[in-house]
Amino acid sequence: MTLSDFVKNKRNNAKLTQPELAEKAGVGLRFLRDLEQGKPTLRIDKVNQVLQLFGHELGPVKISPDEKNINL
């Protein structure tokens, strides 16, 4: 599941409109729309403001071996 799908599903399950969720999270409506549409560049702090309403936050996630890794 993508981040945009996750947020959209959580919002719908909470029976909130985009403007209602944006207000509750303290972010702009434009930001929330970008988030739900899967915009590839978003501020992590603002994403976390939205996710915190649902008891979640962004964090590092191990990628599958199929992904290209940088050898450090």
PDB file of N, CA and C in Angstrom:
ATOM      1  N   MET A   1       0.842  -1.177   0.000  1.00  0.00           N
ATOM      2  CA  MET A   1       0.000   0.000   0.000  1.00  0.00           C
ATOM      3  C   MET A   1       0.884   1.235   0.000  1.00  0.00           C
ATOM      4  N   THR A   2       0.530   2.184  -0.804  1.00  0.00           N
ATOM      5  CA  THR A   2       1.301   3.428  -0.868  1.00  0.00           C
ATOM      6  C   THR A   2       0.900   4.350   0.277  1.00  0.00           C
ATOM      7  N   LEU A   3       1.738   5.331   0.526  1.00  0.00           N
ATOM      8  CA  LEU A   3       1.448   6.326   1.547  1.00  0.00           C
ATOM      9  C   LEU A   3       0.162   7.071   1.211  1.00  0.00           C
ATOM     10  N   SER A   4      -0.010   7.431  -0.039  1.00  0.00           N
ATOM     11  CA  SER A   4      -1.217   8.164  -0.439  1.00  0.00           C
ATOM     12  C   SER A   4      -2.465   7.317  -0.203  1.00  0.00           C
ATOM     13  N   ASP A   5      -2.408   6.037  -0.548  1.00  0.00           N
ATOM     14  CA  ASP A   5      -3.551   5.148  -0.309  1.00  0.00           C
ATOM     15  C   ASP A   5      -3.826   4.992   1.183  1.00  0.00           C
ATOM     16  N   PHE A   6      -2.764   4.879   1.975  1.00  0.00           N
ATOM     17  CA  PHE A   6      -2.902   4.731   3.420  1.00  0.00           C
ATOM     18  C   PHE A   6      -3.649   5.920   4.017  1.00  0.00           C
ATOM     19  N   VAL A   7      -3.203   7.124   3.678  1.00  0.00           N
ATOM     20  CA  VAL A   7      -3.821   8.338   4.225  1.00  0.00           C
ATOM     21  C   VAL A   7      -5.266   8.451   3.754  1.00  0.00           C
ATOM     22  N   LYS A   8      -5.502   8.200   2.482  1.00  0.00           N
ATOM     23  CA  LYS A   8      -6.856   8.286   1.934  1.00  0.00           C
ATOM     24  C   LYS A   8      -7.786   7.290   2.632  1.00  0.00           C
ATOM     25  N   ASN A   9      -7.316   6.060   2.825  1.00  0.00           N
ATOM     26  CA  ASN A   9      -8.125   5.044   3.509  1.00  0.00           C
ATOM     27  C   ASN A   9      -8.413   5.426   4.955  1.00  0.00           C
ATOM     28  N   LYS A  10      -7.400   5.900   5.651  1.00  0.00           N
ATOM     29  CA  LYS A  10      -7.585   6.312   7.049  1.00  0.00           C
ATOM     30  C   LYS A  10      -8.578   7.467   7.138  1.00  0.00           C
ATOM     31  N   ARG A  11      -8.464   8.428   6.234  1.00  0.00           N
ATOM     32  CA  ARG A  11      -9.373   9.576   6.223  1.00  0.00           C
ATOM     33  C   ARG A  11     -10.806   9.117   5.967  1.00  0.00           C
ATOM     34  N   ASN A  12     -10.971   8.265   4.969  1.00  0.00           N
ATOM     35  CA  ASN A  12     -12.312   7.773   4.650  1.00  0.00           C
ATOM     36  C   ASN A  12     -12.904   6.954   5.786  1.00  0.00           C
ATOM     37  N   ASN A  13     -12.090   6.113   6.425  1.00  0.00           N
ATOM     38  CA  ASN A  13     -12.562   5.316   7.565  1.00  0.00           C
ATOM     39  C   ASN A  13     -12.988   6.202   8.734  1.00  0.00           C
ATOM     40  N   ALA A  14     -12.316   7.352   8.868  1.00  0.00           N
ATOM     41  CA  ALA A  14     -12.658   8.297   9.931  1.00  0.00           C
ATOM     42  C   ALA A  14     -13.817   9.209   9.515  1.00  0.00           C
ATOM     43  N   LYS A  15     -14.308   9.021   8.298  1.00  0.00           N
ATOM     44  CA  LYS A  15     -15.417   9.815   7.757  1.00  0.00           C
ATOM     45  C   LYS A  15     -15.104  11.313   7.776  1.00  0.00           C
ATOM     46  N   LEU A  16     -13.870  11.639   7.355  1.00  0.00           N
ATOM     47  CA  LEU A  16     -13.440  13.027   7.276  1.00  0.00           C
ATOM     48  C   LEU A  16     -13.301  13.447   5.821  1.00  0.00           C
ATOM     49  N   THR A  17     -13.615  14.688   5.542  1.00  0.00           N
ATOM     50  CA  THR A  17     -13.341  15.245   4.223  1.00  0.00           C
ATOM     51  C   THR A  17     -11.893  15.708   4.198  1.00  0.00           C
ATOM     52  N   GLN A  18     -11.379  15.983   3.023  1.00  0.00           N
ATOM     53  CA  GLN A  18     -10.014  16.511   2.942  1.00  0.00           C
ATOM     54  C   GLN A  18      -9.873  17.818   3.718  1.00  0.00           C
ATOM     55  N   PRO A  19     -10.805  18.770   3.564  1.00  0.00           N
ATOM     56  CA  PRO A  19     -10.664  20.004   4.354  1.00  0.00           C
ATOM     57  C   PRO A  19     -10.695  19.761   5.869  1.00  0.00           C
ATOM     58  N   GLU A  20     -11.511  18.815   6.322  1.00  0.00           N
ATOM     59  CA  GLU A  20     -11.574  18.517   7.754  1.00  0.00           C
ATOM     60  C   GLU A  20     -10.263  17.928   8.255  1.00  0.00           C
ATOM     61  N   LEU A  21      -9.697  16.985   7.508  1.00  0.00           N
ATOM     62  CA  LEU A  21      -8.439  16.379   7.922  1.00  0.00           C
ATOM     63  C   LEU A  21      -7.309  17.396   7.888  1.00  0.00           C
ATOM     64  N   ALA A  22      -7.268  18.211   6.860  1.00  0.00           N
ATOM     65  CA  ALA A  22      -6.223  19.237   6.768  1.00  0.00           C
ATOM     66  C   ALA A  22      -6.276  20.159   7.984  1.00  0.00           C
ATOM     67  N   GLU A  23      -7.479  20.561   8.363  1.00  0.00           N
ATOM     68  CA  GLU A  23      -7.614  21.453   9.519  1.00  0.00           C
ATOM     69  C   GLU A  23      -7.185  20.757  10.804  1.00  0.00           C
ATOM     70  N   LYS A  24      -7.636  19.524  11.016  1.00  0.00           N
ATOM     71  CA  LYS A  24      -7.274  18.785  12.222  1.00  0.00           C
ATOM     72  C   LYS A  24      -5.765  18.556  12.323  1.00  0.00           C
ATOM     73  N   ALA A  25      -5.121  18.326  11.171  1.00  0.00           N
ATOM     74  CA  ALA A  25      -3.682  18.051  11.163  1.00  0.00           C
ATOM     75  C   ALA A  25      -2.842  19.327  11.178  1.00  0.00           C
ATOM     76  N   GLY A  26      -3.457  20.458  10.907  1.00  0.00           N
ATOM     77  CA  GLY A  26      -2.703  21.714  10.883  1.00  0.00           C
ATOM     78  C   GLY A  26      -1.872  21.877   9.620  1.00  0.00           C
ATOM     79  N   VAL A  27      -2.350  21.294   8.519  1.00  0.00           N
ATOM     80  CA  VAL A  27      -1.671  21.449   7.229  1.00  0.00           C
ATOM     81  C   VAL A  27      -2.657  22.078   6.252  1.00  0.00           C
ATOM     82  N   GLY A  28      -2.133  22.575   5.152  1.00  0.00           N
ATOM     83  CA  GLY A  28      -2.983  23.176   4.147  1.00  0.00           C
ATOM     84  C   GLY A  28      -3.722  22.125   3.328  1.00  0.00           C
ATOM     85  N   LEU A  29      -4.852  22.534   2.791  1.00  0.00           N
ATOM     86  CA  LEU A  29      -5.638  21.633   1.955  1.00  0.00           C
ATOM     87  C   LEU A  29      -4.841  21.210   0.726  1.00  0.00           C
ATOM     88  N   ARG A  30      -4.102  22.127   0.144  1.00  0.00           N
ATOM     89  CA  ARG A  30      -3.282  21.804  -1.032  1.00  0.00           C
ATOM     90  C   ARG A  30      -2.267  20.712  -0.694  1.00  0.00           C
ATOM     91  N   PHE A  31      -1.641  20.817   0.482  1.00  0.00           N
ATOM     92  CA  PHE A  31      -0.677  19.804   0.900  1.00  0.00           C
ATOM     93  C   PHE A  31      -1.339  18.442   1.017  1.00  0.00           C
ATOM     94  N   LEU A  32      -2.500  18.404   1.662  1.00  0.00           N
ATOM     95  CA  LEU A  32      -3.192  17.134   1.843  1.00  0.00           C
ATOM     96  C   LEU A  32      -3.587  16.525   0.501  1.00  0.00           C
ATOM     97  N   ARG A  33      -4.037  17.350  -0.414  1.00  0.00           N
ATOM     98  CA  ARG A  33      -4.384  16.849  -1.747  1.00  0.00           C
ATOM     99  C   ARG A  33      -3.154  16.285  -2.449  1.00  0.00           C
ATOM    100  N   ASP A  34      -2.045  16.990  -2.343  1.00  0.00           N
ATOM    101  CA  ASP A  34      -0.792  16.490  -2.936  1.00  0.00           C
ATOM    102  C   ASP A  34      -0.402  15.156  -2.314  1.00  0.00           C
ATOM    103  N   LEU A  35      -0.546  15.041  -1.011  1.00  0.00           N
ATOM    104  CA  LEU A  35      -0.216  13.803  -0.302  1.00  0.00           C
ATOM    105  C   LEU A  35      -1.088  12.653  -0.798  1.00  0.00           C
ATOM    106  N   GLU A  36      -2.381  12.883  -0.893  1.00  0.00           N
ATOM    107  CA  GLU A  36      -3.292  11.822  -1.322  1.00  0.00           C
ATOM    108  C   GLU A  36      -3.158  11.485  -2.808  1.00  0.00           C
ATOM    109  N   GLN A  37      -2.590  12.403  -3.581  1.00  0.00           N
ATOM    110  CA  GLN A  37      -2.388  12.134  -5.006  1.00  0.00           C
ATOM    111  C   GLN A  37      -1.014  11.529  -5.285  1.00  0.00           C
ATOM    112  N   GLY A  38      -0.226  11.328  -4.231  1.00  0.00           N
ATOM    113  CA  GLY A  38       1.059  10.664  -4.392  1.00  0.00           C
ATOM    114  C   GLY A  38       2.179  11.538  -4.898  1.00  0.00           C
ATOM    115  N   LYS A  39       2.132  12.831  -4.614  1.00  0.00           N
ATOM    116  CA  LYS A  39       3.220  13.716  -5.027  1.00  0.00           C
ATOM    117  C   LYS A  39       4.537  13.161  -4.489  1.00  0.00           C
ATOM    118  N   PRO A  40       5.561  13.060  -5.341  1.00  0.00           N
ATOM    119  CA  PRO A  40       6.806  12.397  -4.917  1.00  0.00           C
ATOM    120  C   PRO A  40       7.674  13.210  -3.949  1.00  0.00           C
ATOM    121  N   THR A  41       7.450  14.505  -3.857  1.00  0.00           N
ATOM    122  CA  THR A  41       8.260  15.317  -2.948  1.00  0.00           C
ATOM    123  C   THR A  41       7.342  16.057  -1.989  1.00  0.00           C
ATOM    124  N   LEU A  42       7.436  15.690  -0.719  1.00  0.00           N
ATOM    125  CA  LEU A  42       6.635  16.307   0.329  1.00  0.00           C
ATOM    126  C   LEU A  42       7.488  16.488   1.572  1.00  0.00           C
ATOM    127  N   ARG A  43       7.156  17.465   2.377  1.00  0.00           N
ATOM    128  CA  ARG A  43       7.889  17.681   3.627  1.00  0.00           C
ATOM    129  C   ARG A  43       7.522  16.591   4.626  1.00  0.00           C
ATOM    130  N   ILE A  44       8.541  15.917   5.128  1.00  0.00           N
ATOM    131  CA  ILE A  44       8.332  14.806   6.060  1.00  0.00           C
ATOM    132  C   ILE A  44       7.647  15.279   7.336  1.00  0.00           C
ATOM    133  N   ASP A  45       7.998  16.444   7.838  1.00  0.00           N
ATOM    134  CA  ASP A  45       7.368  16.919   9.073  1.00  0.00           C
ATOM    135  C   ASP A  45       5.871  17.107   8.899  1.00  0.00           C
ATOM    136  N   LYS A  46       5.460  17.589   7.735  1.00  0.00           N
ATOM    137  CA  LYS A  46       4.034  17.778   7.487  1.00  0.00           C
ATOM    138  C   LYS A  46       3.326  16.438   7.272  1.00  0.00           C
ATOM    139  N   VAL A  47       3.991  15.510   6.601  1.00  0.00           N
ATOM    140  CA  VAL A  47       3.412  14.176   6.436  1.00  0.00           C
ATOM    141  C   VAL A  47       3.184  13.567   7.815  1.00  0.00           C
ATOM    142  N   ASN A  48       4.155  13.709   8.701  1.00  0.00           N
ATOM    143  CA  ASN A  48       4.015  13.162  10.054  1.00  0.00           C
ATOM    144  C   ASN A  48       2.905  13.846  10.845  1.00  0.00           C
ATOM    145  N   GLN A  49       2.649  15.128  10.596  1.00  0.00           N
ATOM    146  CA  GLN A  49       1.533  15.804  11.260  1.00  0.00           C
ATOM    147  C   GLN A  49       0.221  15.101  10.914  1.00  0.00           C
ATOM    148  N   VAL A  50       0.070  14.709   9.661  1.00  0.00           N
ATOM    149  CA  VAL A  50      -1.136  14.017   9.222  1.00  0.00           C
ATOM    150  C   VAL A  50      -1.166  12.611   9.810  1.00  0.00           C
ATOM    151  N   LEU A  51      -0.060  11.887   9.685  1.00  0.00           N
ATOM    152  CA  LEU A  51      -0.019  10.497  10.148  1.00  0.00           C
ATOM    153  C   LEU A  51      -0.229  10.372  11.653  1.00  0.00           C
ATOM    154  N   GLN A  52       0.238  11.356  12.417  1.00  0.00           N
ATOM    155  CA  GLN A  52       0.108  11.298  13.878  1.00  0.00           C
ATOM    156  C   GLN A  52      -1.352  11.254  14.318  1.00  0.00           C
ATOM    157  N   LEU A  53      -2.251  11.829  13.539  1.00  0.00           N
ATOM    158  CA  LEU A  53      -3.672  11.763  13.879  1.00  0.00           C
ATOM    159  C   LEU A  53      -4.186  10.334  13.866  1.00  0.00           C
ATOM    160  N   PHE A  54      -3.508   9.473  13.121  1.00  0.00           N
ATOM    161  CA  PHE A  54      -3.910   8.072  13.010  1.00  0.00           C
ATOM    162  C   PHE A  54      -2.965   7.146  13.769  1.00  0.00           C
ATOM    163  N   GLY A  55      -2.088   7.724  14.601  1.00  0.00           N
ATOM    164  CA  GLY A  55      -1.189   6.921  15.422  1.00  0.00           C
ATOM    165  C   GLY A  55      -0.006   6.346  14.670  1.00  0.00           C
ATOM    166  N   HIS A  56       0.444   7.011  13.608  1.00  0.00           N
ATOM    167  CA  HIS A  56       1.574   6.531  12.810  1.00  0.00           C
ATOM    168  C   HIS A  56       2.558   7.663  12.556  1.00  0.00           C
ATOM    169  N   GLU A  57       3.747   7.293  12.083  1.00  0.00           N
ATOM    170  CA  GLU A  57       4.737   8.265  11.624  1.00  0.00           C
ATOM    171  C   GLU A  57       5.639   7.599  10.598  1.00  0.00           C
ATOM    172  N   LEU A  58       6.286   8.440   9.796  1.00  0.00           N
ATOM    173  CA  LEU A  58       7.237   7.927   8.808  1.00  0.00           C
ATOM    174  C   LEU A  58       8.510   7.491   9.500  1.00  0.00           C
ATOM    175  N   GLY A  59       9.178   6.520   8.933  1.00  0.00           N
ATOM    176  CA  GLY A  59      10.448   6.070   9.460  1.00  0.00           C
ATOM    177  C   GLY A  59      11.180   5.263   8.413  1.00  0.00           C
ATOM    178  N   PRO A  60      12.438   4.949   8.655  1.00  0.00           N
ATOM    179  CA  PRO A  60      13.206   4.153   7.707  1.00  0.00           C
ATOM    180  C   PRO A  60      12.644   2.733   7.613  1.00  0.00           C
ATOM    181  N   VAL A  61      12.538   2.271   6.401  1.00  0.00           N
ATOM    182  CA  VAL A  61      12.011   0.935   6.134  1.00  0.00           C
ATOM    183  C   VAL A  61      13.003   0.206   5.242  1.00  0.00           C
ATOM    184  N   LYS A  62      13.333  -1.010   5.606  1.00  0.00           N
ATOM    185  CA  LYS A  62      14.244  -1.813   4.791  1.00  0.00           C
ATOM    186  C   LYS A  62      13.601  -2.096   3.446  1.00  0.00           C
ATOM    187  N   ILE A  63      14.356  -1.895   2.382  1.00  0.00           N
ATOM    188  CA  ILE A  63      13.848  -2.173   1.048  1.00  0.00           C
ATOM    189  C   ILE A  63      14.182  -3.602   0.654  1.00  0.00           C
ATOM    190  N   SER A  64      13.453  -4.097  -0.309  1.00  0.00           N
ATOM    191  CA  SER A  64      13.663  -5.476  -0.734  1.00  0.00           C
ATOM    192  C   SER A  64      14.995  -5.605  -1.476  1.00  0.00           C
ATOM    193  N   PRO A  65      15.544  -6.821  -1.550  1.00  0.00           N
ATOM    194  CA  PRO A  65      16.811  -7.029  -2.244  1.00  0.00           C
ATOM    195  C   PRO A  65      16.725  -6.682  -3.730  1.00  0.00           C
ATOM    196  N   ASP A  66      15.522  -6.623  -4.271  1.00  0.00           N
ATOM    197  CA  ASP A  66      15.367  -6.262  -5.681  1.00  0.00           C
ATOM    198  C   ASP A  66      15.733  -4.811  -5.950  1.00  0.00           C
ATOM    199  N   GLU A  67      15.598  -3.970  -4.934  1.00  0.00           N
ATOM    200  CA  GLU A  67      15.934  -2.563  -5.085  1.00  0.00           C
ATOM    201  C   GLU A  67      17.450  -2.411  -5.141  1.00  0.00           C
ATOM    202  N   LYS A  68      17.878  -1.371  -5.830  1.00  0.00           N
ATOM    203  CA  LYS A  68      19.322  -1.097  -5.882  1.00  0.00           C
ATOM    204  C   LYS A  68      19.770  -0.500  -4.566  1.00  0.00           C
ATOM    205  N   ASN A  69      20.795  -1.076  -3.999  1.00  0.00           N
ATOM    206  CA  ASN A  69      21.362  -0.578  -2.755  1.00  0.00           C
ATOM    207  C   ASN A  69      22.687   0.091  -3.043  1.00  0.00           C
ATOM    208  N   ILE A  70      22.974   1.111  -2.241  1.00  0.00           N
ATOM    209  CA  ILE A  70      24.278   1.754  -2.326  1.00  0.00           C
ATOM    210  C   ILE A  70      25.200   0.997  -1.391  1.00  0.00           C
ATOM    211  N   ASN A  71      26.316   0.560  -1.901  1.00  0.00           N
ATOM    212  CA  ASN A  71      27.296  -0.144  -1.050  1.00  0.00           C
ATOM    213  C   ASN A  71      28.116   0.870  -0.306  1.00  0.00           C
ATOM    214  N   LEU A  72      27.943   0.890   0.996  1.00  0.00           N
ATOM    215  CA  LEU A  72      28.704   1.827   1.828  1.00  0.00           C
ATOM    216  C   LEU A  72      29.799   1.111   2.549  1.00  0.00           C
TER     217      LEU A  72
END
